Amino acid sequence: MKLSDDGFDARRLRPRGAGGWRWRCLGALAALCAAFGVMLSMAGAATLLGRPSAMGPMNDSIGSAIALVLFGLFLLWGGVYVWRRCRRRLRRRYSDDLSMSPHLLKKHD
């Protein structure tokens, strides 16, 4: 950005709000939940396929393996859902800064 000689600074016209660190932390926590859900689902699926149990006596039976798969898939779905909501919230916060035509913006989603 070009600064003129008379001390005018265009950044002062649109003051930025508070940082989005809460949404970033929540997004990182949601991504960790999604990764944990994938690992739980894989451990349950390994038991269902007849491989040695990955979690010791926690998933020895078929019923507990099915419960692990379902709980892992639920964690995966919930983590991805919350992560996407956080990303949308962060992107919407930064897109309010300038009033540009939508066809001039980059296509992200």
PDB file of N, CA and C in Angstrom:
ATOM      1  N   MET A   1       0.831  -1.162   0.000  1.00  0.00           N
ATOM      2  CA  MET A   1       0.000   0.000   0.000  1.00  0.00           C
ATOM      3  C   MET A   1       0.887   1.240   0.000  1.00  0.00           C
ATOM      4  N   LYS A   2       0.506   2.205  -0.791  1.00  0.00           N
ATOM      5  CA  LYS A   2       1.294   3.423  -0.913  1.00  0.00           C
ATOM      6  C   LYS A   2       0.907   4.411   0.183  1.00  0.00           C
ATOM      7  N   LEU A   3       1.883   4.912   0.887  1.00  0.00           N
ATOM      8  CA  LEU A   3       1.651   5.938   1.899  1.00  0.00           C
ATOM      9  C   LEU A   3       1.991   7.295   1.304  1.00  0.00           C
ATOM     10  N   SER A   4       1.069   8.213   1.459  1.00  0.00           N
ATOM     11  CA  SER A   4       1.322   9.549   0.919  1.00  0.00           C
ATOM     12  C   SER A   4       2.178  10.353   1.900  1.00  0.00           C
ATOM     13  N   ASP A   5       2.628  11.504   1.430  1.00  0.00           N
ATOM     14  CA  ASP A   5       3.530  12.330   2.232  1.00  0.00           C
ATOM     15  C   ASP A   5       2.813  13.075   3.356  1.00  0.00           C
ATOM     16  N   ASP A   6       1.487  13.227   3.257  1.00  0.00           N
ATOM     17  CA  ASP A   6       0.793  14.014   4.269  1.00  0.00           C
ATOM     18  C   ASP A   6       0.385  13.194   5.502  1.00  0.00           C
ATOM     19  N   GLY A   7       0.862  11.977   5.622  1.00  0.00           N
ATOM     20  CA  GLY A   7       0.593  11.171   6.805  1.00  0.00           C
ATOM     21  C   GLY A   7      -0.712  10.388   6.739  1.00  0.00           C
ATOM     22  N   PHE A   8      -1.349  10.324   5.576  1.00  0.00           N
ATOM     23  CA  PHE A   8      -2.601   9.571   5.453  1.00  0.00           C
ATOM     24  C   PHE A   8      -2.301   8.074   5.423  1.00  0.00           C
ATOM     25  N   ASP A   9      -3.024   7.320   6.235  1.00  0.00           N
ATOM     26  CA  ASP A   9      -2.863   5.879   6.277  1.00  0.00           C
ATOM     27  C   ASP A   9      -4.236   5.242   6.090  1.00  0.00           C
ATOM     28  N   ALA A  10      -4.410   4.516   5.004  1.00  0.00           N
ATOM     29  CA  ALA A  10      -5.716   3.927   4.682  1.00  0.00           C
ATOM     30  C   ALA A  10      -6.109   2.828   5.662  1.00  0.00           C
ATOM     31  N   ARG A  11      -5.155   2.255   6.372  1.00  0.00           N
ATOM     32  CA  ARG A  11      -5.477   1.188   7.316  1.00  0.00           C
ATOM     33  C   ARG A  11      -6.299   1.704   8.492  1.00  0.00           C
ATOM     34  N   ARG A  12      -6.219   2.989   8.774  1.00  0.00           N
ATOM     35  CA  ARG A  12      -6.992   3.546   9.882  1.00  0.00           C
ATOM     36  C   ARG A  12      -8.466   3.681   9.545  1.00  0.00           C
ATOM     37  N   LEU A  13      -8.823   3.645   8.267  1.00  0.00           N
ATOM     38  CA  LEU A  13     -10.217   3.799   7.877  1.00  0.00           C
ATOM     39  C   LEU A  13     -11.060   2.594   8.275  1.00  0.00           C
ATOM     40  N   ARG A  14     -10.491   1.413   8.241  1.00  0.00           N
ATOM     41  CA  ARG A  14     -11.210   0.186   8.585  1.00  0.00           C
ATOM     42  C   ARG A  14     -10.495  -0.496   9.748  1.00  0.00           C
ATOM     43  N   PRO A  15     -10.851  -0.110  10.954  1.00  0.00           N
ATOM     44  CA  PRO A  15     -10.170  -0.733  12.098  1.00  0.00           C
ATOM     45  C   PRO A  15     -10.535  -2.211  12.200  1.00  0.00           C
ATOM     46  N   ARG A  16      -9.559  -3.016  12.509  1.00  0.00           N
ATOM     47  CA  ARG A  16      -9.777  -4.454  12.647  1.00  0.00           C
ATOM     48  C   ARG A  16     -10.330  -4.762  14.022  1.00  0.00           C
ATOM     49  N   GLY A  17     -11.176  -5.731  14.064  1.00  0.00           N
ATOM     50  CA  GLY A  17     -11.761  -6.143  15.336  1.00  0.00           C
ATOM     51  C   GLY A  17     -10.789  -7.014  16.110  1.00  0.00           C
ATOM     52  N   ALA A  18     -11.322  -7.688  17.103  1.00  0.00           N
ATOM     53  CA  ALA A  18     -10.508  -8.582  17.911  1.00  0.00           C
ATOM     54  C   ALA A  18     -10.055  -9.768  17.065  1.00  0.00           C
ATOM     55  N   GLY A  19      -8.926 -10.348  17.425  1.00  0.00           N
ATOM     56  CA  GLY A  19      -8.392 -11.482  16.684  1.00  0.00           C
ATOM     57  C   GLY A  19      -9.280 -12.708  16.785  1.00  0.00           C
ATOM     58  N   GLY A  20      -9.158 -13.594  15.838  1.00  0.00           N
ATOM     59  CA  GLY A  20      -9.980 -14.791  15.810  1.00  0.00           C
ATOM     60  C   GLY A  20      -9.293 -15.986  16.424  1.00  0.00           C
ATOM     61  N   TRP A  21      -8.554 -15.775  17.498  1.00  0.00           N
ATOM     62  CA  TRP A  21      -7.797 -16.886  18.083  1.00  0.00           C
ATOM     63  C   TRP A  21      -8.721 -17.908  18.717  1.00  0.00           C
ATOM     64  N   ARG A  22      -9.894 -17.505  19.201  1.00  0.00           N
ATOM     65  CA  ARG A  22     -10.828 -18.478  19.777  1.00  0.00           C
ATOM     66  C   ARG A  22     -11.324 -19.445  18.716  1.00  0.00           C
ATOM     67  N   TRP A  23     -11.649 -18.899  17.550  1.00  0.00           N
ATOM     68  CA  TRP A  23     -12.146 -19.755  16.463  1.00  0.00           C
ATOM     69  C   TRP A  23     -11.048 -20.653  15.931  1.00  0.00           C
ATOM     70  N   ARG A  24      -9.819 -20.151  15.923  1.00  0.00           N
ATOM     71  CA  ARG A  24      -8.706 -20.991  15.472  1.00  0.00           C
ATOM     72  C   ARG A  24      -8.444 -22.133  16.445  1.00  0.00           C
ATOM     73  N   CYS A  25      -8.492 -21.841  17.745  1.00  0.00           N
ATOM     74  CA  CYS A  25      -8.288 -22.900  18.751  1.00  0.00           C
ATOM     75  C   CYS A  25      -9.408 -23.933  18.685  1.00  0.00           C
ATOM     76  N   LEU A  26     -10.639 -23.472  18.525  1.00  0.00           N
ATOM     77  CA  LEU A  26     -11.755 -24.402  18.411  1.00  0.00           C
ATOM     78  C   LEU A  26     -11.631 -25.242  17.144  1.00  0.00           C
ATOM     79  N   GLY A  27     -11.170 -24.644  16.055  1.00  0.00           N
ATOM     80  CA  GLY A  27     -10.954 -25.395  14.821  1.00  0.00           C
ATOM     81  C   GLY A  27      -9.859 -26.442  14.975  1.00  0.00           C
ATOM     82  N   ALA A  28      -8.795 -26.097  15.688  1.00  0.00           N
ATOM     83  CA  ALA A  28      -7.718 -27.067  15.915  1.00  0.00           C
ATOM     84  C   ALA A  28      -8.200 -28.212  16.804  1.00  0.00           C
ATOM     85  N   LEU A  29      -9.002 -27.905  17.818  1.00  0.00           N
ATOM     86  CA  LEU A  29      -9.560 -28.944  18.676  1.00  0.00           C
ATOM     87  C   LEU A  29     -10.510 -29.850  17.892  1.00  0.00           C
ATOM     88  N   ALA A  30     -11.287 -29.266  17.000  1.00  0.00           N
ATOM     89  CA  ALA A  30     -12.196 -30.061  16.173  1.00  0.00           C
ATOM     90  C   ALA A  30     -11.418 -30.960  15.216  1.00  0.00           C
ATOM     91  N   ALA A  31     -10.314 -30.469  14.669  1.00  0.00           N
ATOM     92  CA  ALA A  31      -9.490 -31.304  13.792  1.00  0.00           C
ATOM     93  C   ALA A  31      -8.873 -32.466  14.564  1.00  0.00           C
ATOM     94  N   LEU A  32      -8.468 -32.220  15.819  1.00  0.00           N
ATOM     95  CA  LEU A  32      -7.949 -33.307  16.653  1.00  0.00           C
ATOM     96  C   LEU A  32      -9.028 -34.347  16.955  1.00  0.00           C
ATOM     97  N   CYS A  33     -10.247 -33.887  17.205  1.00  0.00           N
ATOM     98  CA  CYS A  33     -11.358 -34.828  17.428  1.00  0.00           C
ATOM     99  C   CYS A  33     -11.620 -35.661  16.181  1.00  0.00           C
ATOM    100  N   ALA A  34     -11.560 -35.044  15.019  1.00  0.00           N
ATOM    101  CA  ALA A  34     -11.775 -35.786  13.774  1.00  0.00           C
ATOM    102  C   ALA A  34     -10.674 -36.830  13.574  1.00  0.00           C
ATOM    103  N   ALA A  35      -9.439 -36.476  13.870  1.00  0.00           N
ATOM    104  CA  ALA A  35      -8.338 -37.432  13.730  1.00  0.00           C
ATOM    105  C   ALA A  35      -8.484 -38.580  14.729  1.00  0.00           C
ATOM    106  N   PHE A  36      -8.908 -38.263  15.960  1.00  0.00           N
ATOM    107  CA  PHE A  36      -9.127 -39.301  16.955  1.00  0.00           C
ATOM    108  C   PHE A  36     -10.274 -40.222  16.537  1.00  0.00           C
ATOM    109  N   GLY A  37     -11.299 -39.639  15.905  1.00  0.00           N
ATOM    110  CA  GLY A  37     -12.406 -40.444  15.401  1.00  0.00           C
ATOM    111  C   GLY A  37     -11.966 -41.413  14.313  1.00  0.00           C
ATOM    112  N   VAL A  38     -11.070 -40.967  13.446  1.00  0.00           N
ATOM    113  CA  VAL A  38     -10.547 -41.859  12.400  1.00  0.00           C
ATOM    114  C   VAL A  38      -9.778 -43.011  13.033  1.00  0.00           C
ATOM    115  N   MET A  39      -8.968 -42.707  14.036  1.00  0.00           N
ATOM    116  CA  MET A  39      -8.184 -43.773  14.677  1.00  0.00           C
ATOM    117  C   MET A  39      -9.074 -44.771  15.417  1.00  0.00           C
ATOM    118  N   LEU A  40     -10.108 -44.280  16.104  1.00  0.00           N
ATOM    119  CA  LEU A  40     -11.026 -45.189  16.784  1.00  0.00           C
ATOM    120  C   LEU A  40     -11.768 -46.071  15.785  1.00  0.00           C
ATOM    121  N   SER A  41     -12.196 -45.490  14.685  1.00  0.00           N
ATOM    122  CA  SER A  41     -12.897 -46.270  13.660  1.00  0.00           C
ATOM    123  C   SER A  41     -11.985 -47.333  13.066  1.00  0.00           C
ATOM    124  N   MET A  42     -10.742 -46.987  12.840  1.00  0.00           N
ATOM    125  CA  MET A  42      -9.806 -47.968  12.281  1.00  0.00           C
ATOM    126  C   MET A  42      -9.518 -49.089  13.277  1.00  0.00           C
ATOM    127  N   ALA A  43      -9.428 -48.776  14.565  1.00  0.00           N
ATOM    128  CA  ALA A  43      -9.191 -49.808  15.576  1.00  0.00           C
ATOM    129  C   ALA A  43     -10.381 -50.754  15.660  1.00  0.00           C
ATOM    130  N   GLY A  44     -11.587 -50.204  15.619  1.00  0.00           N
ATOM    131  CA  GLY A  44     -12.773 -51.052  15.646  1.00  0.00           C
ATOM    132  C   GLY A  44     -12.905 -51.889  14.390  1.00  0.00           C
ATOM    133  N   ALA A  45     -12.589 -51.304  13.239  1.00  0.00           N
ATOM    134  CA  ALA A  45     -12.660 -52.050  11.984  1.00  0.00           C
ATOM    135  C   ALA A  45     -11.608 -53.156  11.942  1.00  0.00           C
ATOM    136  N   ALA A  46     -10.457 -52.920  12.525  1.00  0.00           N
ATOM    137  CA  ALA A  46      -9.427 -53.956  12.557  1.00  0.00           C
ATOM    138  C   ALA A  46      -9.898 -55.160  13.372  1.00  0.00           C
ATOM    139  N   THR A  47     -10.591 -54.901  14.459  1.00  0.00           N
ATOM    140  CA  THR A  47     -11.114 -56.009  15.262  1.00  0.00           C
ATOM    141  C   THR A  47     -12.203 -56.751  14.504  1.00  0.00           C
ATOM    142  N   LEU A  48     -13.058 -56.016  13.796  1.00  0.00           N
ATOM    143  CA  LEU A  48     -14.131 -56.660  13.028  1.00  0.00           C
ATOM    144  C   LEU A  48     -13.582 -57.494  11.882  1.00  0.00           C
ATOM    145  N   LEU A  49     -12.453 -57.108  11.336  1.00  0.00           N
ATOM    146  CA  LEU A  49     -11.864 -57.859  10.217  1.00  0.00           C
ATOM    147  C   LEU A  49     -11.026 -59.037  10.681  1.00  0.00           C
ATOM    148  N   GLY A  50     -10.905 -59.255  11.980  1.00  0.00           N
ATOM    149  CA  GLY A  50     -10.201 -60.416  12.495  1.00  0.00           C
ATOM    150  C   GLY A  50      -8.746 -60.197  12.812  1.00  0.00           C
ATOM    151  N   ARG A  51      -8.270 -58.991  12.724  1.00  0.00           N
ATOM    152  CA  ARG A  51      -6.893 -58.687  13.099  1.00  0.00           C
ATOM    153  C   ARG A  51      -6.786 -58.651  14.616  1.00  0.00           C
ATOM    154  N   PRO A  52      -5.589 -58.748  15.160  1.00  0.00           N
ATOM    155  CA  PRO A  52      -5.451 -58.637  16.619  1.00  0.00           C
ATOM    156  C   PRO A  52      -5.944 -57.279  17.109  1.00  0.00           C
ATOM    157  N   SER A  53      -6.516 -57.279  18.266  1.00  0.00           N
ATOM    158  CA  SER A  53      -7.103 -56.042  18.784  1.00  0.00           C
ATOM    159  C   SER A  53      -6.017 -54.990  19.008  1.00  0.00           C
ATOM    160  N   ALA A  54      -6.311 -53.782  18.599  1.00  0.00           N
ATOM    161  CA  ALA A  54      -5.338 -52.693  18.694  1.00  0.00           C
ATOM    162  C   ALA A  54      -5.401 -51.989  20.038  1.00  0.00           C
ATOM    163  N   MET A  55      -6.485 -52.184  20.770  1.00  0.00           N
ATOM    164  CA  MET A  55      -6.659 -51.452  22.018  1.00  0.00           C
ATOM    165  C   MET A  55      -6.740 -52.394  23.217  1.00  0.00           C
ATOM    166  N   GLY A  56      -6.189 -53.560  23.116  1.00  0.00           N
ATOM    167  CA  GLY A  56      -6.172 -54.501  24.235  1.00  0.00           C
ATOM    168  C   GLY A  56      -7.557 -55.063  24.503  1.00  0.00           C
ATOM    169  N   PRO A  57      -7.914 -55.198  25.768  1.00  0.00           N
ATOM    170  CA  PRO A  57      -9.212 -55.798  26.097  1.00  0.00           C
ATOM    171  C   PRO A  57     -10.401 -54.864  25.873  1.00  0.00           C
ATOM    172  N   MET A  58     -10.128 -53.624  25.432  1.00  0.00           N
ATOM    173  CA  MET A  58     -11.214 -52.664  25.268  1.00  0.00           C
ATOM    174  C   MET A  58     -12.162 -53.057  24.131  1.00  0.00           C
ATOM    175  N   ASN A  59     -11.645 -53.708  23.105  1.00  0.00           N
ATOM    176  CA  ASN A  59     -12.512 -54.075  21.984  1.00  0.00           C
ATOM    177  C   ASN A  59     -12.312 -55.541  21.591  1.00  0.00           C
ATOM    178  N   ASP A  60     -12.396 -56.427  22.569  1.00  0.00           N
ATOM    179  CA  ASP A  60     -12.259 -57.851  22.271  1.00  0.00           C
ATOM    180  C   ASP A  60     -13.512 -58.431  21.626  1.00  0.00           C
ATOM    181  N   SER A  61     -14.668 -57.980  22.035  1.00  0.00           N
ATOM    182  CA  SER A  61     -15.909 -58.541  21.490  1.00  0.00           C
ATOM    183  C   SER A  61     -16.353 -57.773  20.254  1.00  0.00           C
ATOM    184  N   ILE A  62     -17.252 -58.392  19.506  1.00  0.00           N
ATOM    185  CA  ILE A  62     -17.753 -57.763  18.285  1.00  0.00           C
ATOM    186  C   ILE A  62     -18.633 -56.563  18.630  1.00  0.00           C
ATOM    187  N   GLY A  63     -19.394 -56.671  19.705  1.00  0.00           N
ATOM    188  CA  GLY A  63     -20.252 -55.552  20.115  1.00  0.00           C
ATOM    189  C   GLY A  63     -19.460 -54.309  20.469  1.00  0.00           C
ATOM    190  N   SER A  64     -18.381 -54.484  21.198  1.00  0.00           N
ATOM    191  CA  SER A  64     -17.575 -53.311  21.549  1.00  0.00           C
ATOM    192  C   SER A  64     -16.824 -52.766  20.337  1.00  0.00           C
ATOM    193  N   ALA A  65     -16.465 -53.649  19.392  1.00  0.00           N
ATOM    194  CA  ALA A  65     -15.808 -53.170  18.166  1.00  0.00           C
ATOM    195  C   ALA A  65     -16.772 -52.341  17.327  1.00  0.00           C
ATOM    196  N   ILE A  66     -18.027 -52.781  17.255  1.00  0.00           N
ATOM    197  CA  ILE A  66     -19.031 -52.004  16.514  1.00  0.00           C
ATOM    198  C   ILE A  66     -19.259 -50.656  17.205  1.00  0.00           C
ATOM    199  N   ALA A  67     -19.294 -50.670  18.538  1.00  0.00           N
ATOM    200  CA  ALA A  67     -19.461 -49.412  19.273  1.00  0.00           C
ATOM    201  C   ALA A  67     -18.288 -48.468  19.023  1.00  0.00           C
ATOM    202  N   LEU A  68     -17.065 -49.025  18.943  1.00  0.00           N
ATOM    203  CA  LEU A  68     -15.901 -48.181  18.641  1.00  0.00           C
ATOM    204  C   LEU A  68     -15.992 -47.570  17.247  1.00  0.00           C
ATOM    205  N   VAL A  69     -16.428 -48.382  16.279  1.00  0.00           N
ATOM    206  CA  VAL A  69     -16.558 -47.869  14.909  1.00  0.00           C
ATOM    207  C   VAL A  69     -17.593 -46.750  14.865  1.00  0.00           C
ATOM    208  N   LEU A  70     -18.741 -46.974  15.494  1.00  0.00           N
ATOM    209  CA  LEU A  70     -19.803 -45.957  15.466  1.00  0.00           C
ATOM    210  C   LEU A  70     -19.397 -44.689  16.213  1.00  0.00           C
ATOM    211  N   PHE A  71     -18.765 -44.848  17.380  1.00  0.00           N
ATOM    212  CA  PHE A  71     -18.314 -43.672  18.123  1.00  0.00           C
ATOM    213  C   PHE A  71     -17.222 -42.928  17.359  1.00  0.00           C
ATOM    214  N   GLY A  72     -16.329 -43.671  16.703  1.00  0.00           N
ATOM    215  CA  GLY A  72     -15.288 -43.034  15.896  1.00  0.00           C
ATOM    216  C   GLY A  72     -15.859 -42.271  14.722  1.00  0.00           C
ATOM    217  N   LEU A  73     -16.861 -42.844  14.059  1.00  0.00           N
ATOM    218  CA  LEU A  73     -17.495 -42.146  12.929  1.00  0.00           C
ATOM    219  C   LEU A  73     -18.241 -40.907  13.407  1.00  0.00           C
ATOM    220  N   PHE A  74     -18.864 -41.003  14.586  1.00  0.00           N
ATOM    221  CA  PHE A  74     -19.538 -39.829  15.144  1.00  0.00           C
ATOM    222  C   PHE A  74     -18.536 -38.721  15.474  1.00  0.00           C
ATOM    223  N   LEU A  75     -17.408 -39.093  16.060  1.00  0.00           N
ATOM    224  CA  LEU A  75     -16.369 -38.091  16.348  1.00  0.00           C
ATOM    225  C   LEU A  75     -15.822 -37.476  15.064  1.00  0.00           C
ATOM    226  N   LEU A  76     -15.635 -38.298  14.053  1.00  0.00           N
ATOM    227  CA  LEU A  76     -15.153 -37.789  12.765  1.00  0.00           C
ATOM    228  C   LEU A  76     -16.136 -36.806  12.170  1.00  0.00           C
ATOM    229  N   TRP A  77     -17.412 -37.183  12.149  1.00  0.00           N
ATOM    230  CA  TRP A  77     -18.427 -36.298  11.579  1.00  0.00           C
ATOM    231  C   TRP A  77     -18.524 -34.994  12.372  1.00  0.00           C
ATOM    232  N   GLY A  78     -18.569 -35.091  13.701  1.00  0.00           N
ATOM    233  CA  GLY A  78     -18.670 -33.890  14.526  1.00  0.00           C
ATOM    234  C   GLY A  78     -17.453 -32.995  14.410  1.00  0.00           C
ATOM    235  N   GLY A  79     -16.265 -33.586  14.358  1.00  0.00           N
ATOM    236  CA  GLY A  79     -15.048 -32.791  14.224  1.00  0.00           C
ATOM    237  C   GLY A  79     -14.985 -32.050  12.898  1.00  0.00           C
ATOM    238  N   VAL A  80     -15.348 -32.730  11.825  1.00  0.00           N
ATOM    239  CA  VAL A  80     -15.333 -32.074  10.509  1.00  0.00           C
ATOM    240  C   VAL A  80     -16.390 -30.984  10.446  1.00  0.00           C
ATOM    241  N   TYR A  81     -17.556 -31.234  11.041  1.00  0.00           N
ATOM    242  CA  TYR A  81     -18.630 -30.236  11.038  1.00  0.00           C
ATOM    243  C   TYR A  81     -18.210 -28.967  11.782  1.00  0.00           C
ATOM    244  N   VAL A  82     -17.669 -29.131  12.981  1.00  0.00           N
ATOM    245  CA  VAL A  82     -17.250 -27.966  13.775  1.00  0.00           C
ATOM    246  C   VAL A  82     -16.074 -27.258  13.108  1.00  0.00           C
ATOM    247  N   TRP A  83     -15.144 -28.021  12.538  1.00  0.00           N
ATOM    248  CA  TRP A  83     -13.989 -27.414  11.866  1.00  0.00           C
ATOM    249  C   TRP A  83     -14.434 -26.555  10.683  1.00  0.00           C
ATOM    250  N   ARG A  84     -15.388 -27.062   9.911  1.00  0.00           N
ATOM    251  CA  ARG A  84     -15.879 -26.278   8.768  1.00  0.00           C
ATOM    252  C   ARG A  84     -16.617 -25.032   9.216  1.00  0.00           C
ATOM    253  N   ARG A  85     -17.400 -25.143  10.299  1.00  0.00           N
ATOM    254  CA  ARG A  85     -18.096 -23.964  10.815  1.00  0.00           C
ATOM    255  C   ARG A  85     -17.111 -22.893  11.293  1.00  0.00           C
ATOM    256  N   CYS A  86     -16.036 -23.326  11.938  1.00  0.00           N
ATOM    257  CA  CYS A  86     -15.021 -22.366  12.399  1.00  0.00           C
ATOM    258  C   CYS A  86     -14.341 -21.692  11.218  1.00  0.00           C
ATOM    259  N   ARG A  87     -14.032 -22.456  10.181  1.00  0.00           N
ATOM    260  CA  ARG A  87     -13.400 -21.864   9.004  1.00  0.00           C
ATOM    261  C   ARG A  87     -14.319 -20.862   8.330  1.00  0.00           C
ATOM    262  N   ARG A  88     -15.599 -21.199   8.238  1.00  0.00           N
ATOM    263  CA  ARG A  88     -16.550 -20.252   7.642  1.00  0.00           C
ATOM    264  C   ARG A  88     -16.653 -18.988   8.476  1.00  0.00           C
ATOM    265  N   ARG A  89     -16.669 -19.135   9.792  1.00  0.00           N
ATOM    266  CA  ARG A  89     -16.777 -17.978  10.666  1.00  0.00           C
ATOM    267  C   ARG A  89     -15.554 -17.067  10.528  1.00  0.00           C
ATOM    268  N   LEU A  90     -14.365 -17.670  10.462  1.00  0.00           N
ATOM    269  CA  LEU A  90     -13.157 -16.872  10.280  1.00  0.00           C
ATOM    270  C   LEU A  90     -13.139 -16.184   8.922  1.00  0.00           C
ATOM    271  N   ARG A  91     -13.552 -16.889   7.906  1.00  0.00           N
ATOM    272  CA  ARG A  91     -13.538 -16.304   6.564  1.00  0.00           C
ATOM    273  C   ARG A  91     -14.571 -15.193   6.439  1.00  0.00           C
ATOM    274  N   ARG A  92     -15.724 -15.353   7.067  1.00  0.00           N
ATOM    275  CA  ARG A  92     -16.751 -14.321   7.010  1.00  0.00           C
ATOM    276  C   ARG A  92     -16.290 -13.077   7.752  1.00  0.00           C
ATOM    277  N   ARG A  93     -15.543 -13.276   8.844  1.00  0.00           N
ATOM    278  CA  ARG A  93     -15.034 -12.148   9.618  1.00  0.00           C
ATOM    279  C   ARG A  93     -14.077 -11.305   8.797  1.00  0.00           C
ATOM    280  N   TYR A  94     -13.233 -11.947   8.016  1.00  0.00           N
ATOM    281  CA  TYR A  94     -12.261 -11.198   7.229  1.00  0.00           C
ATOM    282  C   TYR A  94     -12.848 -10.694   5.913  1.00  0.00           C
ATOM    283  N   SER A  95     -13.934 -11.281   5.452  1.00  0.00           N
ATOM    284  CA  SER A  95     -14.488 -10.826   4.173  1.00  0.00           C
ATOM    285  C   SER A  95     -15.310  -9.554   4.332  1.00  0.00           C
ATOM    286  N   ASP A  96     -15.639  -9.148   5.573  1.00  0.00           N
ATOM    287  CA  ASP A  96     -16.400  -7.922   5.775  1.00  0.00           C
ATOM    288  C   ASP A  96     -15.540  -6.671   5.670  1.00  0.00           C
ATOM    289  N   ASP A  97     -14.230  -6.835   5.494  1.00  0.00           N
ATOM    290  CA  ASP A  97     -13.344  -5.682   5.497  1.00  0.00           C
ATOM    291  C   ASP A  97     -13.514  -4.798   4.270  1.00  0.00           C
ATOM    292  N   LEU A  98     -13.637  -5.389   3.106  1.00  0.00           N
ATOM    293  CA  LEU A  98     -13.752  -4.609   1.879  1.00  0.00           C
ATOM    294  C   LEU A  98     -15.039  -4.970   1.152  1.00  0.00           C
ATOM    295  N   SER A  99     -15.613  -3.991   0.502  1.00  0.00           N
ATOM    296  CA  SER A  99     -16.822  -4.236  -0.272  1.00  0.00           C
ATOM    297  C   SER A  99     -16.426  -4.391  -1.732  1.00  0.00           C
ATOM    298  N   MET A 100     -16.069  -5.594  -2.106  1.00  0.00           N
ATOM    299  CA  MET A 100     -15.691  -5.860  -3.487  1.00  0.00           C
ATOM    300  C   MET A 100     -16.761  -6.702  -4.143  1.00  0.00           C
ATOM    301  N   SER A 101     -16.795  -6.652  -5.426  1.00  0.00           N
ATOM    302  CA  SER A 101     -17.736  -7.458  -6.173  1.00  0.00           C
ATOM    303  C   SER A 101     -17.394  -8.952  -5.992  1.00  0.00           C
ATOM    304  N   PRO A 102     -18.400  -9.814  -5.800  1.00  0.00           N
ATOM    305  CA  PRO A 102     -18.106 -11.234  -5.545  1.00  0.00           C
ATOM    306  C   PRO A 102     -17.345 -11.940  -6.661  1.00  0.00           C
ATOM    307  N   HIS A 103     -17.533 -11.502  -7.909  1.00  0.00           N
ATOM    308  CA  HIS A 103     -16.830 -12.195  -8.989  1.00  0.00           C
ATOM    309  C   HIS A 103     -15.357 -11.814  -9.069  1.00  0.00           C
ATOM    310  N   LEU A 104     -14.929 -10.805  -8.308  1.00  0.00           N
ATOM    311  CA  LEU A 104     -13.525 -10.427  -8.287  1.00  0.00           C
ATOM    312  C   LEU A 104     -12.736 -11.163  -7.204  1.00  0.00           C
ATOM    313  N   LEU A 105     -13.445 -11.773  -6.249  1.00  0.00           N
ATOM    314  CA  LEU A 105     -12.783 -12.468  -5.152  1.00  0.00           C
ATOM    315  C   LEU A 105     -12.342 -13.862  -5.598  1.00  0.00           C
ATOM    316  N   LYS A 106     -11.363 -14.410  -4.895  1.00  0.00           N
ATOM    317  CA  LYS A 106     -10.917 -15.765  -5.198  1.00  0.00           C
ATOM    318  C   LYS A 106     -11.953 -16.772  -4.741  1.00  0.00           C
ATOM    319  N   LYS A 107     -12.090 -17.832  -5.484  1.00  0.00           N
ATOM    320  CA  LYS A 107     -13.047 -18.879  -5.126  1.00  0.00           C
ATOM    321  C   LYS A 107     -12.358 -19.859  -4.184  1.00  0.00           C
ATOM    322  N   HIS A 108     -12.737 -19.876  -2.901  1.00  0.00           N
ATOM    323  CA  HIS A 108     -12.130 -20.790  -1.929  1.00  0.00           C
ATOM    324  C   HIS A 108     -13.014 -21.980  -1.656  1.00  0.00           C
ATOM    325  N   ASP A 109     -14.323 -21.775  -1.500  1.00  0.00           N
ATOM    326  CA  ASP A 109     -15.215 -22.878  -1.161  1.00  0.00           C
ATOM    327  C   ASP A 109     -16.202 -23.136  -2.270  1.00  0.00           C
TER     328      ASP A 109
END
